[in-house]
Amino acid sequence: MQRRIRGTTMKSIWSSWGRHLGKPYTLQTNVYVLGSGDGRIIGRELKFHLWFDPTDDFHHYAIFWSPNELIFFVDDVPIRRYPRKSPTTFPLRPMWVYGSIWDASPWATENGKYKADYRYQPFVARYTKFIIGGCSAYSPANCRPVPMSPSGSGGLSPQQMAAMQWAQRNYKVYDYCGDPTRDLSLTPECRL
């Protein structure tokens, strides 16, 4: 799934961003193993400060989903890789896209220190050149997904791996596996 969006506070099933004036924008990626609506939803969040202002221009956001891993991209830079470590910690249902505008104040503005100002509503999101490519869960076995690497290989190129390490080292600001307030027994991949 790929999308190009421009806005200030977007959320889909997998990502969102928000910020307080003068602070960097925060992009949240999330993985839900069971999906929305299944008992206790356990999010597997990583948050990144963006190295650009996403409202200045359109940007490219993509997710590569294979049977073995999910990789999140921002402007073709891989920022997160979620490998399949076991069948119980990897989403097995078909992916779906959900776009909306929501109040991200509780996590995007220093744990809710700054609230959304509803005097500026209506809030509007615009999507352009929205493209979904690849194989659906119901595609025939001979369907081949689009490659995620310029080389067309099955994994990230060495340059993409270096870019992901750069993004994580410099811009990752939250990792659910390192959160001391979370019950990590609910996310066994953190111990694998």
C-alpha atoms as a PDB file:
ATOM      1  CA  MET A   1       0.000   0.000   0.000  1.00  0.00           C
ATOM      2  CA  GLN A   2       1.311   3.432  -0.897  1.00  0.00           C
ATOM      3  CA  ARG A   3      -0.132   6.850  -0.372  1.00  0.00           C
ATOM      4  CA  ARG A   4       0.817  10.480  -0.817  1.00  0.00           C
ATOM      5  CA  ILE A   5      -0.794  12.801   1.679  1.00  0.00           C
ATOM      6  CA  ARG A   6      -0.510  16.343   2.911  1.00  0.00           C
ATOM      7  CA  GLY A   7      -1.904  17.414   6.244  1.00  0.00           C
ATOM      8  CA  THR A   8      -1.138  17.920   9.886  1.00  0.00           C
ATOM      9  CA  THR A   9      -2.929  15.240  11.866  1.00  0.00           C
ATOM     10  CA  MET A  10      -3.632  12.040   9.965  1.00  0.00           C
ATOM     11  CA  LYS A  11      -4.243   8.540  11.244  1.00  0.00           C
ATOM     12  CA  SER A  12      -4.750   5.277   9.454  1.00  0.00           C
ATOM     13  CA  ILE A  13      -4.798   1.792  10.881  1.00  0.00           C
ATOM     14  CA  TRP A  14      -1.012   1.888  10.768  1.00  0.00           C
ATOM     15  CA  SER A  15       0.205   5.412  11.220  1.00  0.00           C
ATOM     16  CA  SER A  16      -0.539   8.893  12.320  1.00  0.00           C
ATOM     17  CA  TRP A  17       1.258  12.103  12.981  1.00  0.00           C
ATOM     18  CA  GLY A  18       0.836  15.085  15.177  1.00  0.00           C
ATOM     19  CA  ARG A  19       2.801  17.796  16.887  1.00  0.00           C
ATOM     20  CA  HIS A  20       2.795  20.939  18.969  1.00  0.00           C
ATOM     21  CA  LEU A  21       3.792  24.200  17.276  1.00  0.00           C
ATOM     22  CA  GLY A  22       7.553  24.522  17.113  1.00  0.00           C
ATOM     23  CA  LYS A  23       8.168  20.816  17.764  1.00  0.00           C
ATOM     24  CA  PRO A  24       8.900  18.158  15.134  1.00  0.00           C
ATOM     25  CA  TYR A  25       6.038  16.179  13.674  1.00  0.00           C
ATOM     26  CA  THR A  26       5.669  12.684  15.116  1.00  0.00           C
ATOM     27  CA  LEU A  27       4.786   9.750  12.893  1.00  0.00           C
ATOM     28  CA  GLN A  28       3.364   6.691  14.635  1.00  0.00           C
ATOM     29  CA  THR A  29       3.544   3.259  13.044  1.00  0.00           C
ATOM     30  CA  ASN A  30       1.526   0.464  14.553  1.00  0.00           C
ATOM     31  CA  VAL A  31       0.975  -3.242  14.020  1.00  0.00           C
ATOM     32  CA  TYR A  32      -2.142  -5.019  15.250  1.00  0.00           C
ATOM     33  CA  VAL A  33      -1.804  -8.793  15.212  1.00  0.00           C
ATOM     34  CA  LEU A  34      -5.472  -9.686  15.655  1.00  0.00           C
ATOM     35  CA  GLY A  35      -6.947  -6.628  14.019  1.00  0.00           C
ATOM     36  CA  SER A  36      -9.460  -4.070  15.106  1.00  0.00           C
ATOM     37  CA  GLY A  37     -12.431  -5.287  17.102  1.00  0.00           C
ATOM     38  CA  ASP A  38     -10.900  -8.510  18.488  1.00  0.00           C
ATOM     39  CA  GLY A  39     -11.106  -8.408  22.276  1.00  0.00           C
ATOM     40  CA  ARG A  40      -8.002  -6.805  23.708  1.00  0.00           C
ATOM     41  CA  ILE A  41      -6.233  -4.831  21.006  1.00  0.00           C
ATOM     42  CA  ILE A  42      -2.482  -4.761  21.598  1.00  0.00           C
ATOM     43  CA  GLY A  43      -0.710  -2.071  19.627  1.00  0.00           C
ATOM     44  CA  ARG A  44       2.904  -2.451  18.648  1.00  0.00           C
ATOM     45  CA  GLU A  45       3.860   1.179  18.222  1.00  0.00           C
ATOM     46  CA  LEU A  46       7.050   2.852  17.144  1.00  0.00           C
ATOM     47  CA  LYS A  47       7.132   6.636  16.875  1.00  0.00           C
ATOM     48  CA  PHE A  48       9.500   8.766  14.848  1.00  0.00           C
ATOM     49  CA  HIS A  49      10.108  12.479  14.598  1.00  0.00           C
ATOM     50  CA  LEU A  50      10.022  13.384  10.932  1.00  0.00           C
ATOM     51  CA  TRP A  51      13.122  15.012   9.466  1.00  0.00           C
ATOM     52  CA  PHE A  52      10.916  17.351   7.396  1.00  0.00           C
ATOM     53  CA  ASP A  53       7.664  19.277   7.709  1.00  0.00           C
ATOM     54  CA  PRO A  54       5.030  17.015   6.103  1.00  0.00           C
ATOM     55  CA  THR A  55       2.707  19.962   5.501  1.00  0.00           C
ATOM     56  CA  ASP A  56       5.134  21.739   3.160  1.00  0.00           C
ATOM     57  CA  ASP A  57       4.672  19.277   0.308  1.00  0.00           C
ATOM     58  CA  PHE A  58       3.327  15.853  -0.569  1.00  0.00           C
ATOM     59  CA  HIS A  59       5.315  12.879   0.699  1.00  0.00           C
ATOM     60  CA  HIS A  60       5.381   9.182  -0.069  1.00  0.00           C
ATOM     61  CA  TYR A  61       4.347   6.714   2.659  1.00  0.00           C
ATOM     62  CA  ALA A  62       4.308   2.995   1.993  1.00  0.00           C
ATOM     63  CA  ILE A  63       3.998  -0.363   3.695  1.00  0.00           C
ATOM     64  CA  PHE A  64       5.470  -3.514   2.259  1.00  0.00           C
ATOM     65  CA  TRP A  65       3.676  -6.568   3.632  1.00  0.00           C
ATOM     66  CA  SER A  66       4.949 -10.044   2.833  1.00  0.00           C
ATOM     67  CA  PRO A  67       4.348 -13.357   4.603  1.00  0.00           C
ATOM     68  CA  ASN A  68       7.639 -12.793   6.459  1.00  0.00           C
ATOM     69  CA  GLU A  69       7.762  -9.104   7.359  1.00  0.00           C
ATOM     70  CA  LEU A  70       6.185  -5.655   7.312  1.00  0.00           C
ATOM     71  CA  ILE A  71       8.355  -2.705   6.336  1.00  0.00           C
ATOM     72  CA  PHE A  72       7.250   0.921   6.701  1.00  0.00           C
ATOM     73  CA  PHE A  73       8.707   3.578   4.371  1.00  0.00           C
ATOM     74  CA  VAL A  74       8.741   7.375   4.373  1.00  0.00           C
ATOM     75  CA  ASP A  75       9.843   8.910   1.082  1.00  0.00           C
ATOM     76  CA  ASP A  76      11.325   5.529   0.163  1.00  0.00           C
ATOM     77  CA  VAL A  77      13.417   5.410   3.359  1.00  0.00           C
ATOM     78  CA  PRO A  78      12.617   2.271   5.373  1.00  0.00           C
ATOM     79  CA  ILE A  79      12.000   3.355   8.961  1.00  0.00           C
ATOM     80  CA  ARG A  80      10.658   0.172  10.520  1.00  0.00           C
ATOM     81  CA  ARG A  81      10.901  -3.544   9.880  1.00  0.00           C
ATOM     82  CA  TYR A  82       8.517  -5.870  11.746  1.00  0.00           C
ATOM     83  CA  PRO A  83       9.657  -9.449  11.057  1.00  0.00           C
ATOM     84  CA  ARG A  84       7.490 -12.522  11.506  1.00  0.00           C
ATOM     85  CA  LYS A  85       9.075 -14.200  14.528  1.00  0.00           C
ATOM     86  CA  SER A  86       6.152 -16.524  15.216  1.00  0.00           C
ATOM     87  CA  PRO A  87       2.607 -17.035  13.893  1.00  0.00           C
ATOM     88  CA  THR A  88       1.150 -15.590  17.122  1.00  0.00           C
ATOM     89  CA  THR A  89       2.972 -12.257  16.785  1.00  0.00           C
ATOM     90  CA  PHE A  90       2.367 -11.520  13.087  1.00  0.00           C
ATOM     91  CA  PRO A  91      -0.826 -10.240  11.449  1.00  0.00           C
ATOM     92  CA  LEU A  92      -2.326 -12.914   9.245  1.00  0.00           C
ATOM     93  CA  ARG A  93      -5.531 -11.177   8.161  1.00  0.00           C
ATOM     94  CA  PRO A  94      -5.799  -9.099   4.979  1.00  0.00           C
ATOM     95  CA  MET A  95      -4.590  -5.518   5.236  1.00  0.00           C
ATOM     96  CA  TRP A  96      -7.085  -2.705   4.951  1.00  0.00           C
ATOM     97  CA  VAL A  97      -6.738   1.043   4.696  1.00  0.00           C
ATOM     98  CA  TYR A  98      -8.478   3.450   7.032  1.00  0.00           C
ATOM     99  CA  GLY A  99      -7.997   7.195   6.829  1.00  0.00           C
ATOM    100  CA  SER A 100      -9.414   9.772   9.190  1.00  0.00           C
ATOM    101  CA  ILE A 101      -8.531  12.879  11.131  1.00  0.00           C
ATOM    102  CA  TRP A 102      -8.401  12.445  14.868  1.00  0.00           C
ATOM    103  CA  ASP A 103      -7.200  14.259  17.966  1.00  0.00           C
ATOM    104  CA  ALA A 104      -3.665  12.986  18.602  1.00  0.00           C
ATOM    105  CA  SER A 105      -3.116  15.259  21.614  1.00  0.00           C
ATOM    106  CA  PRO A 106      -2.779  12.440  24.170  1.00  0.00           C
ATOM    107  CA  TRP A 107       0.424  11.131  22.590  1.00  0.00           C
ATOM    108  CA  ALA A 108       1.617  13.719  20.085  1.00  0.00           C
ATOM    109  CA  THR A 109       1.832  16.752  22.358  1.00  0.00           C
ATOM    110  CA  GLU A 110       3.931  15.694  25.325  1.00  0.00           C
ATOM    111  CA  ASN A 111       1.335  13.258  26.719  1.00  0.00           C
ATOM    112  CA  GLY A 112      -1.584  15.623  26.216  1.00  0.00           C
ATOM    113  CA  LYS A 113       0.038  18.769  27.581  1.00  0.00           C
ATOM    114  CA  TYR A 114      -1.400  20.673  24.615  1.00  0.00           C
ATOM    115  CA  LYS A 115      -4.957  20.022  23.469  1.00  0.00           C
ATOM    116  CA  ALA A 116      -6.376  20.236  19.943  1.00  0.00           C
ATOM    117  CA  ASP A 117      -7.814  23.650  19.185  1.00  0.00           C
ATOM    118  CA  TYR A 118     -11.221  22.996  17.657  1.00  0.00           C
ATOM    119  CA  ARG A 119     -11.638  26.639  16.677  1.00  0.00           C
ATOM    120  CA  TYR A 120      -9.715  25.729  13.503  1.00  0.00           C
ATOM    121  CA  GLN A 121     -12.210  23.113  12.332  1.00  0.00           C
ATOM    122  CA  PRO A 122     -13.282  21.759   9.950  1.00  0.00           C
ATOM    123  CA  PHE A 123     -10.089  19.738   9.574  1.00  0.00           C
ATOM    124  CA  VAL A 124      -9.609  18.386   6.073  1.00  0.00           C
ATOM    125  CA  ALA A 125      -7.408  15.622   4.672  1.00  0.00           C
ATOM    126  CA  ARG A 126      -6.533  15.359   0.992  1.00  0.00           C
ATOM    127  CA  TYR A 127      -5.249  12.253  -0.738  1.00  0.00           C
ATOM    128  CA  THR A 128      -3.744  12.371  -4.201  1.00  0.00           C
ATOM    129  CA  LYS A 129      -2.383   9.643  -6.416  1.00  0.00           C
ATOM    130  CA  PHE A 130      -3.535   7.025  -3.934  1.00  0.00           C
ATOM    131  CA  ILE A 131      -2.088   3.736  -5.177  1.00  0.00           C
ATOM    132  CA  ILE A 132      -2.485   0.228  -3.858  1.00  0.00           C
ATOM    133  CA  GLY A 133      -0.383  -2.372  -5.594  1.00  0.00           C
ATOM    134  CA  GLY A 134       0.558  -5.967  -5.112  1.00  0.00           C
ATOM    135  CA  CYS A 135      -1.357  -9.096  -4.278  1.00  0.00           C
ATOM    136  CA  SER A 136      -4.469  -9.254  -2.152  1.00  0.00           C
ATOM    137  CA  ALA A 137      -5.159 -12.002   0.337  1.00  0.00           C
ATOM    138  CA  TYR A 138      -7.491 -13.508  -2.256  1.00  0.00           C
ATOM    139  CA  SER A 139      -5.090 -13.367  -5.230  1.00  0.00           C
ATOM    140  CA  PRO A 140      -4.096 -16.541  -7.042  1.00  0.00           C
ATOM    141  CA  ALA A 141      -0.825 -18.169  -5.959  1.00  0.00           C
ATOM    142  CA  ASN A 142       0.942 -16.943  -9.099  1.00  0.00           C
ATOM    143  CA  CYS A 143       0.490 -13.275  -8.107  1.00  0.00           C
ATOM    144  CA  ARG A 144       3.848 -11.629  -7.364  1.00  0.00           C
ATOM    145  CA  PRO A 145       4.003  -8.554  -5.113  1.00  0.00           C
ATOM    146  CA  VAL A 146       5.838  -5.423  -6.136  1.00  0.00           C
ATOM    147  CA  PRO A 147       9.494  -5.435  -5.036  1.00  0.00           C
ATOM    148  CA  MET A 148      10.446  -3.231  -2.093  1.00  0.00           C
ATOM    149  CA  SER A 149      14.086  -2.959  -3.068  1.00  0.00           C
ATOM    150  CA  PRO A 150      15.361  -1.235  -6.207  1.00  0.00           C
ATOM    151  CA  SER A 151      17.294  -4.423  -6.912  1.00  0.00           C
ATOM    152  CA  GLY A 152      14.055  -6.396  -6.960  1.00  0.00           C
ATOM    153  CA  SER A 153      15.422  -8.781  -4.364  1.00  0.00           C
ATOM    154  CA  GLY A 154      13.317 -10.271  -1.601  1.00  0.00           C
ATOM    155  CA  GLY A 155      14.854  -8.112   1.141  1.00  0.00           C
ATOM    156  CA  LEU A 156      16.215  -4.672   1.818  1.00  0.00           C
ATOM    157  CA  SER A 157      19.356  -3.653  -0.034  1.00  0.00           C
ATOM    158  CA  PRO A 158      22.456  -2.741   2.003  1.00  0.00           C
ATOM    159  CA  GLN A 159      21.716   0.938   1.265  1.00  0.00           C
ATOM    160  CA  GLN A 160      18.146   0.556   2.542  1.00  0.00           C
ATOM    161  CA  MET A 161      19.388  -1.200   5.696  1.00  0.00           C
ATOM    162  CA  ALA A 162      21.809   1.692   6.328  1.00  0.00           C
ATOM    163  CA  ALA A 163      18.999   4.214   5.750  1.00  0.00           C
ATOM    164  CA  MET A 164      16.731   2.385   8.219  1.00  0.00           C
ATOM    165  CA  GLN A 165      19.494   2.331  10.851  1.00  0.00           C
ATOM    166  CA  TRP A 166      20.000   6.078  10.298  1.00  0.00           C
ATOM    167  CA  ALA A 167      16.265   6.787  10.732  1.00  0.00           C
ATOM    168  CA  GLN A 168      16.006   4.657  13.862  1.00  0.00           C
ATOM    169  CA  ARG A 169      19.190   6.020  15.422  1.00  0.00           C
ATOM    170  CA  ASN A 170      18.326   9.674  14.789  1.00  0.00           C
ATOM    171  CA  TYR A 171      14.531   9.899  14.726  1.00  0.00           C
ATOM    172  CA  LYS A 172      12.926   7.032  16.662  1.00  0.00           C
ATOM    173  CA  VAL A 173      11.447   8.471  19.854  1.00  0.00           C
ATOM    174  CA  TYR A 174       9.335   5.567  21.139  1.00  0.00           C
ATOM    175  CA  ASP A 175       9.529   1.771  20.979  1.00  0.00           C
ATOM    176  CA  TYR A 176       6.839  -0.317  22.661  1.00  0.00           C
ATOM    177  CA  CYS A 177       9.383  -3.029  23.538  1.00  0.00           C
ATOM    178  CA  GLY A 178      11.376  -0.516  25.580  1.00  0.00           C
ATOM    179  CA  ASP A 179       8.420   1.017  27.424  1.00  0.00           C
ATOM    180  CA  PRO A 180       8.685   0.155  31.153  1.00  0.00           C
ATOM    181  CA  THR A 181       4.975   0.950  31.687  1.00  0.00           C
ATOM    182  CA  ARG A 182       3.785  -1.770  29.274  1.00  0.00           C
ATOM    183  CA  ASP A 183       3.034  -5.382  30.096  1.00  0.00           C
ATOM    184  CA  LEU A 184       5.539  -7.078  27.794  1.00  0.00           C
ATOM    185  CA  SER A 185       3.967 -10.486  28.434  1.00  0.00           C
ATOM    186  CA  LEU A 186       1.327  -9.329  25.907  1.00  0.00           C
ATOM    187  CA  THR A 187       4.000  -8.743  23.244  1.00  0.00           C
ATOM    188  CA  PRO A 188       6.207 -11.857  23.274  1.00  0.00           C
ATOM    189  CA  GLU A 189       8.136 -10.710  20.190  1.00  0.00           C
ATOM    190  CA  CYS A 190       9.894  -8.217  22.492  1.00  0.00           C
ATOM    191  CA  ARG A 191      11.577 -11.177  24.211  1.00  0.00           C
ATOM    192  CA  LEU A 192      12.212 -13.336  21.131  1.00  0.00           C
END
